[in-house]
N, C-alpha and C. Protein backbone atom coordinates (compact mmCIF):
# COMPACT_ATOMS: atom_id res chain seq x y z
N MET A 1 183.99 -120.00 175.70
CA MET A 1 183.29 -119.67 176.96
C MET A 1 182.19 -120.68 177.25
N GLN A 2 181.45 -121.05 176.18
CA GLN A 2 180.37 -122.00 176.35
C GLN A 2 180.89 -123.36 176.82
N THR A 3 182.05 -123.76 176.27
CA THR A 3 182.65 -125.03 176.65
C THR A 3 183.03 -125.04 178.13
N LYS A 4 183.60 -123.93 178.61
CA LYS A 4 183.95 -123.80 180.03
C LYS A 4 182.72 -123.98 180.91
N LYS A 5 181.63 -123.30 180.52
CA LYS A 5 180.41 -123.34 181.31
C LYS A 5 179.83 -124.75 181.36
N ILE A 6 179.86 -125.46 180.22
CA ILE A 6 179.33 -126.82 180.16
C ILE A 6 180.11 -127.74 181.09
N TYR A 7 181.45 -127.64 181.05
CA TYR A 7 182.27 -128.48 181.92
C TYR A 7 182.00 -128.18 183.39
N ALA A 8 182.04 -126.90 183.77
CA ALA A 8 181.87 -126.52 185.17
C ALA A 8 180.48 -126.85 185.70
N THR A 9 179.47 -126.76 184.85
CA THR A 9 178.08 -126.93 185.28
C THR A 9 177.60 -128.37 185.21
N TYR A 10 177.99 -129.09 184.16
CA TYR A 10 177.39 -130.40 183.92
C TYR A 10 178.36 -131.58 184.00
N ILE A 11 179.66 -131.35 183.87
CA ILE A 11 180.61 -132.47 183.79
C ILE A 11 181.47 -132.60 185.06
N LYS A 12 181.86 -131.51 185.64
CA LYS A 12 182.79 -131.54 186.77
C LYS A 12 182.26 -132.35 187.96
N ARG A 13 181.04 -132.10 188.38
CA ARG A 13 180.49 -132.80 189.55
C ARG A 13 180.31 -134.30 189.29
N PRO A 14 179.70 -134.73 188.17
CA PRO A 14 179.63 -136.18 187.91
C PRO A 14 181.00 -136.84 187.85
N SER A 15 181.99 -136.13 187.31
CA SER A 15 183.35 -136.67 187.26
C SER A 15 183.91 -136.85 188.67
N ASP A 16 183.63 -135.89 189.55
CA ASP A 16 184.07 -135.99 190.95
C ASP A 16 183.47 -137.23 191.62
N ILE A 17 182.19 -137.47 191.38
CA ILE A 17 181.51 -138.61 192.00
C ILE A 17 182.13 -139.93 191.53
N ILE A 18 182.32 -140.05 190.22
CA ILE A 18 182.86 -141.29 189.65
C ILE A 18 184.30 -141.53 190.12
N LEU A 19 185.14 -140.50 190.02
CA LEU A 19 186.56 -140.66 190.35
C LEU A 19 186.78 -140.87 191.85
N SER A 20 186.04 -140.14 192.69
CA SER A 20 186.21 -140.32 194.14
C SER A 20 185.69 -141.68 194.58
N GLY A 21 184.58 -142.14 193.96
CA GLY A 21 184.05 -143.46 194.29
C GLY A 21 185.02 -144.57 193.92
N LEU A 22 185.60 -144.47 192.72
CA LEU A 22 186.59 -145.46 192.29
C LEU A 22 187.82 -145.43 193.18
N ALA A 23 188.26 -144.21 193.53
CA ALA A 23 189.45 -144.08 194.37
C ALA A 23 189.22 -144.68 195.75
N LEU A 24 188.03 -144.49 196.31
CA LEU A 24 187.72 -145.06 197.62
C LEU A 24 187.78 -146.59 197.59
N ILE A 25 187.32 -147.17 196.48
CA ILE A 25 187.34 -148.64 196.35
C ILE A 25 188.77 -149.14 196.13
N ILE A 26 189.46 -148.53 195.17
CA ILE A 26 190.81 -148.98 194.82
C ILE A 26 191.80 -148.78 195.96
N LEU A 27 191.65 -147.67 196.67
CA LEU A 27 192.60 -147.34 197.73
C LEU A 27 192.18 -147.85 199.10
N SER A 28 191.13 -148.65 199.17
CA SER A 28 190.65 -149.14 200.47
C SER A 28 191.73 -149.90 201.25
N PRO A 29 192.60 -150.71 200.59
CA PRO A 29 193.68 -151.35 201.36
C PRO A 29 194.64 -150.33 201.97
N VAL A 30 194.90 -149.24 201.25
CA VAL A 30 195.77 -148.17 201.76
C VAL A 30 195.12 -147.50 202.96
N PHE A 31 193.81 -147.24 202.85
CA PHE A 31 193.07 -146.65 203.96
C PHE A 31 193.23 -147.51 205.21
N LEU A 32 193.07 -148.82 205.05
CA LEU A 32 193.12 -149.73 206.19
C LEU A 32 194.50 -149.72 206.83
N VAL A 33 195.54 -149.79 206.03
CA VAL A 33 196.90 -149.80 206.55
C VAL A 33 197.22 -148.50 207.28
N VAL A 34 196.88 -147.37 206.65
CA VAL A 34 197.16 -146.07 207.27
C VAL A 34 196.37 -145.92 208.57
N ALA A 35 195.12 -146.35 208.56
CA ALA A 35 194.28 -146.25 209.76
C ALA A 35 194.88 -147.04 210.93
N ILE A 36 195.36 -148.24 210.64
CA ILE A 36 195.97 -149.09 211.68
C ILE A 36 197.24 -148.43 212.22
N LEU A 37 198.07 -147.91 211.32
CA LEU A 37 199.31 -147.25 211.73
C LEU A 37 199.04 -146.01 212.57
N VAL A 38 198.05 -145.22 212.16
CA VAL A 38 197.69 -144.01 212.91
C VAL A 38 197.21 -144.40 214.32
N ARG A 39 196.40 -145.45 214.40
CA ARG A 39 195.87 -145.88 215.70
C ARG A 39 196.98 -146.27 216.65
N PHE A 40 198.00 -146.99 216.15
CA PHE A 40 199.06 -147.47 217.02
C PHE A 40 200.14 -146.42 217.28
N LYS A 41 200.36 -145.53 216.33
CA LYS A 41 201.42 -144.55 216.49
C LYS A 41 200.96 -143.22 217.09
N LEU A 42 199.71 -142.85 216.83
CA LEU A 42 199.22 -141.55 217.29
C LEU A 42 198.01 -141.65 218.22
N GLY A 43 197.38 -142.80 218.26
CA GLY A 43 196.22 -142.97 219.14
C GLY A 43 194.92 -142.76 218.41
N SER A 44 193.85 -142.59 219.17
CA SER A 44 192.53 -142.39 218.59
C SER A 44 192.00 -141.01 219.01
N PRO A 45 191.06 -140.44 218.25
CA PRO A 45 190.46 -141.02 217.04
C PRO A 45 191.43 -141.02 215.87
N VAL A 46 191.24 -141.96 214.96
CA VAL A 46 192.11 -142.08 213.80
C VAL A 46 191.84 -140.94 212.82
N ILE A 47 190.58 -140.56 212.70
CA ILE A 47 190.18 -139.50 211.77
C ILE A 47 190.08 -138.16 212.49
N PHE A 48 190.72 -137.17 211.94
CA PHE A 48 190.65 -135.80 212.44
C PHE A 48 189.52 -135.09 211.71
N VAL A 49 188.57 -134.53 212.44
CA VAL A 49 187.41 -133.86 211.85
C VAL A 49 187.46 -132.37 212.21
N GLN A 50 187.31 -131.53 211.19
CA GLN A 50 187.35 -130.09 211.43
C GLN A 50 186.33 -129.40 210.55
N LYS A 51 185.64 -128.41 211.09
CA LYS A 51 184.66 -127.64 210.34
C LYS A 51 185.37 -126.71 209.36
N ARG A 52 184.92 -126.70 208.11
CA ARG A 52 185.47 -125.84 207.09
C ARG A 52 184.33 -125.23 206.27
N PRO A 53 184.51 -124.04 205.72
CA PRO A 53 183.49 -123.46 204.85
C PRO A 53 183.64 -123.97 203.41
N GLY A 54 182.52 -124.30 202.79
CA GLY A 54 182.55 -124.81 201.43
C GLY A 54 181.83 -123.90 200.46
N LEU A 55 181.11 -124.50 199.52
CA LEU A 55 180.37 -123.75 198.51
C LEU A 55 179.36 -122.83 199.17
N ASN A 56 179.38 -121.56 198.77
CA ASN A 56 178.49 -120.53 199.33
C ASN A 56 178.66 -120.37 200.84
N GLU A 57 179.87 -120.67 201.31
CA GLU A 57 180.25 -120.54 202.72
C GLU A 57 179.49 -121.49 203.64
N LYS A 58 178.89 -122.54 203.07
CA LYS A 58 178.21 -123.54 203.89
C LYS A 58 179.25 -124.35 204.66
N ILE A 59 179.06 -124.48 205.95
CA ILE A 59 180.02 -125.18 206.81
C ILE A 59 179.83 -126.70 206.72
N PHE A 60 180.92 -127.42 206.55
CA PHE A 60 180.87 -128.87 206.50
C PHE A 60 182.00 -129.46 207.35
N SER A 61 181.91 -130.74 207.64
CA SER A 61 182.94 -131.43 208.40
C SER A 61 183.93 -132.07 207.44
N MET A 62 185.18 -131.64 207.50
CA MET A 62 186.22 -132.19 206.62
C MET A 62 186.98 -133.28 207.37
N TYR A 63 187.25 -134.39 206.68
CA TYR A 63 187.89 -135.54 207.29
C TYR A 63 189.33 -135.70 206.81
N LYS A 64 190.23 -135.98 207.75
CA LYS A 64 191.63 -136.26 207.43
C LYS A 64 192.13 -137.31 208.41
N PHE A 65 193.19 -138.01 208.05
CA PHE A 65 193.87 -138.85 209.03
C PHE A 65 194.63 -137.94 209.97
N ARG A 66 194.58 -138.21 211.25
CA ARG A 66 195.29 -137.37 212.20
C ARG A 66 196.80 -137.50 212.01
N THR A 67 197.51 -136.41 212.22
CA THR A 67 198.96 -136.42 212.07
C THR A 67 199.66 -135.94 213.33
N MET A 68 198.90 -135.57 214.35
CA MET A 68 199.48 -135.06 215.59
C MET A 68 199.00 -135.86 216.79
N THR A 69 199.78 -135.84 217.84
CA THR A 69 199.37 -136.46 219.10
C THR A 69 198.45 -135.50 219.83
N SER A 70 197.92 -135.95 220.97
CA SER A 70 197.03 -135.10 221.78
C SER A 70 197.72 -134.64 223.06
N GLU A 71 199.02 -134.49 223.01
CA GLU A 71 199.79 -134.10 224.19
C GLU A 71 199.40 -132.71 224.70
N ILE A 72 199.27 -132.59 226.00
CA ILE A 72 198.89 -131.32 226.61
C ILE A 72 199.91 -130.90 227.67
N ASP A 73 199.88 -129.61 228.02
CA ASP A 73 200.79 -129.13 229.06
C ASP A 73 200.12 -129.25 230.43
N LYS A 74 200.76 -128.72 231.46
CA LYS A 74 200.24 -128.85 232.82
C LYS A 74 198.93 -128.10 233.04
N ASN A 75 198.61 -127.17 232.12
CA ASN A 75 197.36 -126.41 232.22
C ASN A 75 196.25 -127.02 231.38
N GLY A 76 196.54 -128.17 230.76
CA GLY A 76 195.53 -128.83 229.96
C GLY A 76 195.42 -128.31 228.54
N GLU A 77 196.37 -127.45 228.13
CA GLU A 77 196.36 -126.89 226.78
C GLU A 77 197.21 -127.76 225.86
N LEU A 78 196.77 -127.87 224.60
CA LEU A 78 197.55 -128.64 223.64
C LEU A 78 198.92 -128.03 223.44
N LEU A 79 199.93 -128.88 223.33
CA LEU A 79 201.29 -128.41 223.08
C LEU A 79 201.39 -127.86 221.66
N PRO A 80 202.40 -127.04 221.36
CA PRO A 80 202.55 -126.47 220.01
C PRO A 80 202.61 -127.55 218.93
N ASP A 81 202.18 -127.18 217.71
CA ASP A 81 202.14 -128.12 216.59
C ASP A 81 203.47 -128.81 216.35
N GLU A 82 204.58 -128.05 216.44
CA GLU A 82 205.88 -128.61 216.13
C GLU A 82 206.29 -129.72 217.10
N ILE A 83 205.67 -129.74 218.29
CA ILE A 83 205.95 -130.79 219.26
C ILE A 83 205.03 -131.99 219.03
N ARG A 84 203.79 -131.73 218.72
CA ARG A 84 202.80 -132.80 218.55
C ARG A 84 202.89 -133.49 217.19
N LEU A 85 203.50 -132.81 216.22
CA LEU A 85 203.66 -133.40 214.89
C LEU A 85 204.86 -134.35 214.91
N THR A 86 204.59 -135.63 214.91
CA THR A 86 205.64 -136.65 215.01
C THR A 86 206.28 -136.92 213.65
N LYS A 87 207.33 -137.73 213.66
CA LYS A 87 207.99 -138.11 212.41
C LYS A 87 207.02 -138.85 211.50
N PHE A 88 206.20 -139.71 212.09
CA PHE A 88 205.20 -140.43 211.30
C PHE A 88 204.18 -139.46 210.73
N GLY A 89 203.76 -138.48 211.53
CA GLY A 89 202.82 -137.48 211.06
C GLY A 89 203.38 -136.68 209.90
N LYS A 90 204.67 -136.37 209.95
CA LYS A 90 205.32 -135.63 208.87
C LYS A 90 205.33 -136.45 207.58
N ILE A 91 205.51 -137.77 207.73
CA ILE A 91 205.48 -138.64 206.55
C ILE A 91 204.09 -138.63 205.92
N LEU A 92 203.07 -138.70 206.75
CA LEU A 92 201.69 -138.67 206.23
C LEU A 92 201.44 -137.38 205.47
N ARG A 93 201.92 -136.26 206.02
CA ARG A 93 201.69 -134.97 205.36
C ARG A 93 202.51 -134.83 204.09
N SER A 94 203.76 -135.25 204.14
CA SER A 94 204.63 -135.08 202.97
C SER A 94 204.16 -135.94 201.80
N THR A 95 203.51 -137.07 202.09
CA THR A 95 203.00 -137.94 201.03
C THR A 95 201.53 -137.66 200.72
N SER A 96 200.93 -136.74 201.49
CA SER A 96 199.51 -136.38 201.35
C SER A 96 198.57 -137.53 201.67
N LEU A 97 199.06 -138.57 202.34
CA LEU A 97 198.19 -139.67 202.74
C LEU A 97 197.16 -139.24 203.77
N ASP A 98 197.48 -138.19 204.52
CA ASP A 98 196.52 -137.69 205.51
C ASP A 98 195.28 -137.11 204.86
N GLU A 99 195.36 -136.77 203.56
CA GLU A 99 194.24 -136.16 202.86
C GLU A 99 193.26 -137.19 202.29
N LEU A 100 193.61 -138.46 202.30
CA LEU A 100 192.78 -139.47 201.65
C LEU A 100 191.31 -139.49 202.11
N PRO A 101 191.01 -139.31 203.42
CA PRO A 101 189.60 -139.32 203.82
C PRO A 101 188.75 -138.23 203.19
N GLU A 102 189.40 -137.21 202.61
CA GLU A 102 188.64 -136.15 201.94
C GLU A 102 187.95 -136.66 200.68
N LEU A 103 188.35 -137.84 200.21
CA LEU A 103 187.64 -138.44 199.08
C LEU A 103 186.17 -138.67 199.44
N TRP A 104 185.91 -138.95 200.71
CA TRP A 104 184.52 -139.11 201.17
C TRP A 104 183.79 -137.77 201.10
N ASN A 105 184.48 -136.68 201.43
CA ASN A 105 183.88 -135.35 201.30
C ASN A 105 183.53 -135.04 199.84
N ILE A 106 184.39 -135.50 198.93
CA ILE A 106 184.14 -135.27 197.51
C ILE A 106 182.92 -136.06 197.06
N LEU A 107 182.85 -137.32 197.46
CA LEU A 107 181.71 -138.16 197.09
C LEU A 107 180.40 -137.57 197.63
N LYS A 108 180.43 -137.04 198.84
CA LYS A 108 179.23 -136.45 199.46
C LYS A 108 178.81 -135.15 198.80
N GLY A 109 179.76 -134.46 198.17
CA GLY A 109 179.42 -133.18 197.55
C GLY A 109 179.91 -131.98 198.31
N ASP A 110 180.63 -132.20 199.42
CA ASP A 110 181.19 -131.09 200.18
C ASP A 110 182.34 -130.43 199.42
N MET A 111 183.09 -131.27 198.68
CA MET A 111 184.29 -130.81 198.01
C MET A 111 184.34 -131.31 196.57
N SER A 112 185.33 -130.82 195.85
CA SER A 112 185.60 -131.27 194.49
C SER A 112 187.04 -131.82 194.48
N ILE A 113 187.41 -132.54 193.45
CA ILE A 113 188.79 -133.00 193.36
C ILE A 113 189.73 -131.82 193.18
N VAL A 114 189.33 -130.87 192.33
CA VAL A 114 190.14 -129.68 192.09
C VAL A 114 189.34 -128.42 192.43
N GLY A 115 189.96 -127.54 193.20
CA GLY A 115 189.31 -126.29 193.59
C GLY A 115 190.14 -125.61 194.67
N PRO A 116 189.76 -124.44 195.11
CA PRO A 116 190.49 -123.77 196.19
C PRO A 116 190.42 -124.62 197.47
N ARG A 117 191.52 -124.76 198.17
CA ARG A 117 191.54 -125.55 199.39
C ARG A 117 190.62 -124.93 200.44
N PRO A 118 189.85 -125.76 201.18
CA PRO A 118 188.97 -125.22 202.23
C PRO A 118 189.81 -124.73 203.41
N LEU A 119 189.62 -123.50 203.80
CA LEU A 119 190.38 -122.90 204.88
C LEU A 119 189.57 -122.92 206.18
N LEU A 120 190.06 -122.24 207.20
CA LEU A 120 189.39 -122.26 208.51
C LEU A 120 188.16 -121.35 208.51
N VAL A 121 187.17 -121.74 209.30
CA VAL A 121 185.94 -120.96 209.43
C VAL A 121 186.24 -119.57 209.97
N GLU A 122 187.22 -119.47 210.85
CA GLU A 122 187.54 -118.18 211.47
C GLU A 122 188.06 -117.14 210.48
N TYR A 123 188.44 -117.59 209.27
CA TYR A 123 188.95 -116.65 208.27
C TYR A 123 187.84 -115.95 207.50
N LEU A 124 186.62 -116.46 207.56
CA LEU A 124 185.53 -115.93 206.74
C LEU A 124 185.34 -114.43 206.89
N SER A 125 185.42 -113.93 208.10
CA SER A 125 185.18 -112.51 208.34
C SER A 125 186.36 -111.64 207.93
N LEU A 126 187.48 -112.26 207.54
CA LEU A 126 188.69 -111.51 207.21
C LEU A 126 188.87 -111.29 205.71
N TYR A 127 188.06 -111.95 204.89
CA TYR A 127 188.23 -111.85 203.45
C TYR A 127 187.73 -110.51 202.91
N ASN A 128 188.40 -110.02 201.86
CA ASN A 128 187.84 -108.88 201.14
C ASN A 128 186.90 -109.44 200.06
N GLU A 129 186.26 -108.57 199.29
CA GLU A 129 185.26 -109.01 198.33
C GLU A 129 185.83 -109.95 197.28
N GLU A 130 187.04 -109.69 196.83
CA GLU A 130 187.67 -110.54 195.83
C GLU A 130 187.96 -111.92 196.40
N GLN A 131 188.47 -111.98 197.62
CA GLN A 131 188.82 -113.26 198.24
C GLN A 131 187.59 -114.11 198.54
N LYS A 132 186.45 -113.47 198.74
CA LYS A 132 185.21 -114.21 199.02
C LYS A 132 184.76 -115.04 197.82
N LYS A 133 185.26 -114.70 196.64
CA LYS A 133 184.86 -115.42 195.42
C LYS A 133 185.28 -116.88 195.47
N ARG A 134 186.26 -117.21 196.31
CA ARG A 134 186.73 -118.60 196.39
C ARG A 134 185.62 -119.53 196.86
N HIS A 135 184.56 -118.96 197.45
CA HIS A 135 183.45 -119.78 197.94
C HIS A 135 182.29 -119.86 196.96
N THR A 136 182.52 -119.40 195.73
CA THR A 136 181.49 -119.55 194.69
C THR A 136 181.61 -120.89 193.99
N VAL A 137 182.64 -121.67 194.36
CA VAL A 137 182.81 -123.03 193.84
C VAL A 137 183.10 -123.96 195.01
N ARG A 138 182.99 -125.26 194.78
CA ARG A 138 183.33 -126.21 195.82
C ARG A 138 184.83 -126.18 196.10
N PRO A 139 185.23 -126.29 197.35
CA PRO A 139 186.67 -126.36 197.66
C PRO A 139 187.24 -127.68 197.15
N GLY A 140 188.56 -127.73 196.98
CA GLY A 140 189.15 -128.91 196.36
C GLY A 140 190.12 -129.68 197.22
N LEU A 141 190.32 -130.94 196.85
CA LEU A 141 191.35 -131.78 197.44
C LEU A 141 192.72 -131.21 197.09
N THR A 142 192.82 -130.71 195.87
CA THR A 142 194.01 -130.01 195.41
C THR A 142 193.57 -128.80 194.60
N GLY A 143 194.49 -127.89 194.38
CA GLY A 143 194.11 -126.68 193.66
C GLY A 143 195.31 -125.98 193.06
N LEU A 144 195.05 -124.89 192.37
CA LEU A 144 196.12 -124.16 191.70
C LEU A 144 197.15 -123.63 192.68
N ALA A 145 196.69 -123.18 193.86
CA ALA A 145 197.64 -122.67 194.86
C ALA A 145 198.52 -123.79 195.40
N GLN A 146 197.97 -125.02 195.48
CA GLN A 146 198.75 -126.14 196.01
C GLN A 146 199.88 -126.54 195.06
N VAL A 147 199.62 -126.50 193.78
CA VAL A 147 200.66 -126.90 192.82
C VAL A 147 201.58 -125.73 192.46
N SER A 148 201.28 -124.55 193.01
CA SER A 148 202.10 -123.36 192.73
C SER A 148 202.93 -122.94 193.93
N GLY A 149 202.99 -123.80 194.95
CA GLY A 149 203.81 -123.47 196.11
C GLY A 149 203.24 -123.93 197.43
N ARG A 150 201.92 -124.23 197.47
CA ARG A 150 201.28 -124.77 198.67
C ARG A 150 201.50 -123.83 199.86
N ASN A 151 202.10 -124.29 200.92
CA ASN A 151 202.31 -123.47 202.12
C ASN A 151 203.53 -122.57 202.04
N ALA A 152 204.31 -122.69 200.97
CA ALA A 152 205.53 -121.90 200.85
C ALA A 152 205.31 -120.54 200.21
N ILE A 153 204.08 -120.25 199.74
CA ILE A 153 203.79 -118.96 199.13
C ILE A 153 202.93 -118.12 200.07
N SER A 154 202.85 -116.83 199.80
CA SER A 154 202.12 -115.91 200.68
C SER A 154 200.61 -116.09 200.55
N TRP A 155 199.90 -115.61 201.55
CA TRP A 155 198.44 -115.65 201.50
C TRP A 155 197.92 -114.86 200.31
N GLU A 156 198.52 -113.71 200.04
CA GLU A 156 198.10 -112.88 198.92
C GLU A 156 198.18 -113.65 197.61
N GLU A 157 199.28 -114.39 197.42
CA GLU A 157 199.45 -115.18 196.21
C GLU A 157 198.47 -116.33 196.15
N LYS A 158 198.20 -116.97 197.29
CA LYS A 158 197.24 -118.07 197.32
C LYS A 158 195.85 -117.60 196.88
N PHE A 159 195.42 -116.46 197.41
CA PHE A 159 194.10 -115.95 197.05
C PHE A 159 194.05 -115.54 195.58
N ARG A 160 195.13 -114.98 195.07
CA ARG A 160 195.19 -114.59 193.67
C ARG A 160 195.04 -115.81 192.77
N LEU A 161 195.71 -116.89 193.14
CA LEU A 161 195.64 -118.12 192.36
C LEU A 161 194.26 -118.77 192.47
N ASP A 162 193.68 -118.78 193.68
CA ASP A 162 192.35 -119.35 193.88
C ASP A 162 191.31 -118.65 193.01
N CYS A 163 191.34 -117.32 193.04
CA CYS A 163 190.36 -116.54 192.27
C CYS A 163 190.63 -116.67 190.78
N GLY A 164 191.91 -116.81 190.41
CA GLY A 164 192.24 -117.01 189.01
C GLY A 164 191.70 -118.33 188.49
N TYR A 165 191.74 -119.36 189.33
CA TYR A 165 191.22 -120.68 188.94
C TYR A 165 189.72 -120.61 188.67
N ILE A 166 189.00 -119.88 189.48
CA ILE A 166 187.55 -119.78 189.33
C ILE A 166 187.16 -119.28 187.94
N ASN A 167 188.02 -118.44 187.37
CA ASN A 167 187.76 -117.90 186.03
C ASN A 167 188.26 -118.83 184.93
N GLU A 168 188.86 -119.95 185.30
CA GLU A 168 189.48 -120.84 184.31
C GLU A 168 189.18 -122.30 184.63
N ILE A 169 187.91 -122.59 184.96
CA ILE A 169 187.53 -123.96 185.28
C ILE A 169 187.26 -124.71 183.98
N THR A 170 188.25 -125.44 183.53
CA THR A 170 188.13 -126.24 182.32
C THR A 170 188.69 -127.63 182.59
N LEU A 171 188.35 -128.57 181.74
CA LEU A 171 188.87 -129.93 181.88
C LEU A 171 190.39 -129.91 181.75
N ARG A 172 190.89 -129.16 180.82
CA ARG A 172 192.34 -129.08 180.61
C ARG A 172 193.05 -128.53 181.85
N CYS A 173 192.48 -127.49 182.42
CA CYS A 173 193.07 -126.88 183.62
C CYS A 173 193.07 -127.87 184.77
N ASP A 174 191.96 -128.56 184.99
CA ASP A 174 191.86 -129.53 186.08
C ASP A 174 192.85 -130.69 185.89
N LEU A 175 192.98 -131.17 184.66
CA LEU A 175 193.93 -132.26 184.39
C LEU A 175 195.37 -131.82 184.63
N ASN A 176 195.69 -130.59 184.24
CA ASN A 176 197.04 -130.06 184.47
C ASN A 176 197.34 -129.98 185.96
N ILE A 177 196.35 -129.53 186.74
CA ILE A 177 196.53 -129.41 188.19
C ILE A 177 196.71 -130.79 188.82
N LEU A 178 195.95 -131.77 188.37
CA LEU A 178 196.09 -133.14 188.90
C LEU A 178 197.47 -133.71 188.60
N LEU A 179 197.96 -133.50 187.39
CA LEU A 179 199.29 -134.00 187.02
C LEU A 179 200.38 -133.31 187.83
N LEU A 180 200.24 -132.00 188.02
CA LEU A 180 201.21 -131.26 188.82
C LEU A 180 201.14 -131.67 190.29
N THR A 181 199.96 -132.03 190.75
CA THR A 181 199.79 -132.49 192.14
C THR A 181 200.58 -133.77 192.38
N ILE A 182 200.47 -134.71 191.44
CA ILE A 182 201.22 -135.96 191.55
C ILE A 182 202.72 -135.67 191.61
N LYS A 183 203.18 -134.76 190.77
CA LYS A 183 204.59 -134.39 190.75
C LYS A 183 205.01 -133.78 192.08
N LYS A 184 204.18 -132.87 192.62
CA LYS A 184 204.51 -132.20 193.88
C LYS A 184 204.55 -133.19 195.04
N VAL A 185 203.66 -134.17 195.03
CA VAL A 185 203.63 -135.17 196.10
C VAL A 185 204.93 -135.96 196.11
N PHE A 186 205.38 -136.35 194.93
CA PHE A 186 206.63 -137.12 194.85
C PHE A 186 207.84 -136.28 195.23
N LEU A 187 207.81 -134.99 194.88
CA LEU A 187 208.94 -134.11 195.21
C LEU A 187 208.86 -133.57 196.63
N LYS A 188 207.65 -133.70 197.25
CA LYS A 188 207.42 -133.24 198.63
C LYS A 188 207.75 -131.75 198.79
N GLU A 189 207.20 -130.95 197.90
CA GLU A 189 207.47 -129.51 197.90
C GLU A 189 206.36 -128.72 198.57
N GLY A 190 206.74 -127.60 199.24
CA GLY A 190 205.77 -126.64 199.77
C GLY A 190 204.96 -127.11 200.95
N ILE A 191 205.44 -128.13 201.67
CA ILE A 191 204.67 -128.68 202.79
C ILE A 191 204.58 -127.69 203.94
N SER A 192 205.67 -126.97 204.20
CA SER A 192 205.71 -126.01 205.30
C SER A 192 205.98 -124.61 204.77
N SER A 193 205.55 -123.62 205.55
CA SER A 193 205.89 -122.25 205.21
C SER A 193 207.31 -121.97 205.71
N ALA A 194 207.82 -120.78 205.42
CA ALA A 194 209.19 -120.45 205.82
C ALA A 194 209.33 -120.29 207.32
N THR A 195 208.22 -120.01 208.01
CA THR A 195 208.28 -119.72 209.44
C THR A 195 207.42 -120.64 210.30
N ASN A 196 206.76 -121.64 209.69
CA ASN A 196 205.85 -122.48 210.45
C ASN A 196 205.95 -123.92 209.97
N ILE A 197 205.71 -124.86 210.90
CA ILE A 197 205.79 -126.27 210.57
C ILE A 197 204.71 -126.68 209.59
N THR A 198 203.58 -125.96 209.57
CA THR A 198 202.51 -126.26 208.63
C THR A 198 202.23 -125.03 207.75
N ASN A 199 201.46 -124.10 208.27
CA ASN A 199 201.12 -122.91 207.50
C ASN A 199 200.92 -121.73 208.43
N GLU A 200 201.31 -120.55 207.99
CA GLU A 200 201.11 -119.36 208.81
C GLU A 200 199.62 -119.03 208.89
N LYS A 201 199.20 -118.47 210.00
CA LYS A 201 197.81 -118.10 210.19
C LYS A 201 197.48 -116.86 209.37
N PHE A 202 196.31 -116.87 208.73
CA PHE A 202 195.85 -115.70 207.98
C PHE A 202 195.23 -114.71 208.97
N GLU A 203 195.73 -113.49 208.98
CA GLU A 203 195.26 -112.50 209.95
C GLU A 203 194.57 -111.31 209.28
N GLY A 204 194.18 -111.49 208.03
CA GLY A 204 193.47 -110.43 207.34
C GLY A 204 194.35 -109.66 206.39
N ASN A 205 193.75 -108.72 205.69
CA ASN A 205 194.46 -107.91 204.70
C ASN A 205 194.90 -106.59 205.28
N GLU A 206 196.00 -106.06 204.74
CA GLU A 206 196.47 -104.77 205.18
C GLU A 206 195.53 -103.67 204.73
C-alpha cells in the first residue's frame, strides 16, 4: 500500500512531465506533418479545443487535431458527425494521431499519461457518487477503459474500470496500460460504439 501511495503521490506526475516533454520534442516532425495535412484536408483551425473537467472537476481546455469538417445545413447547424467525419479524419482517429496535442495538456498538468479519459462537462451533473471518484485523479491520455474496449463497451463498464484504476495506481499498472494502448492502436480496436460513429452520449444512470 505504501509503495502505491509513493508512486501516485511523488513519482507519477514527474514521470508525466519528463515523458510528455520528450514526446513533444521527438514527435515534433509528426506534429508538423499532421498539422499541414489537417489544414489542407479539413481546413482551419487545425487544433480542436474543447472544455473538459479534470482533477477535482476543474475545467480545462483539451487540445486535439480536428478530425471533422465544419459543414453546416441550410439553418446554419452543423451536419451530423458521420457526415463531417471524413476518411482522413477516420485515419487520424484510428491511429490516435488526433490525440497527440494532449501531450501539451499533460505537460501543463491538466492531464496524466494514464488515467480516466476526460469526458464532457455536461456529464458532471449526471454522475452518481461512485462515478464522481474519477475526478479525484488527473484524467489520462489513455486509461484502463480505453484498453478494455474504448467506445465499444457500455458506460457502466467504463465507469467501473475508471474507478477500479483509481484504487490500483501503480507503476506496473500504468506500464501495462501503456503497452496495451500501443497494441490497441495497431489493431485499431474499439474506435466506434455499436450504434455511433464515435461514442454514444451518456444520459445518466437508471
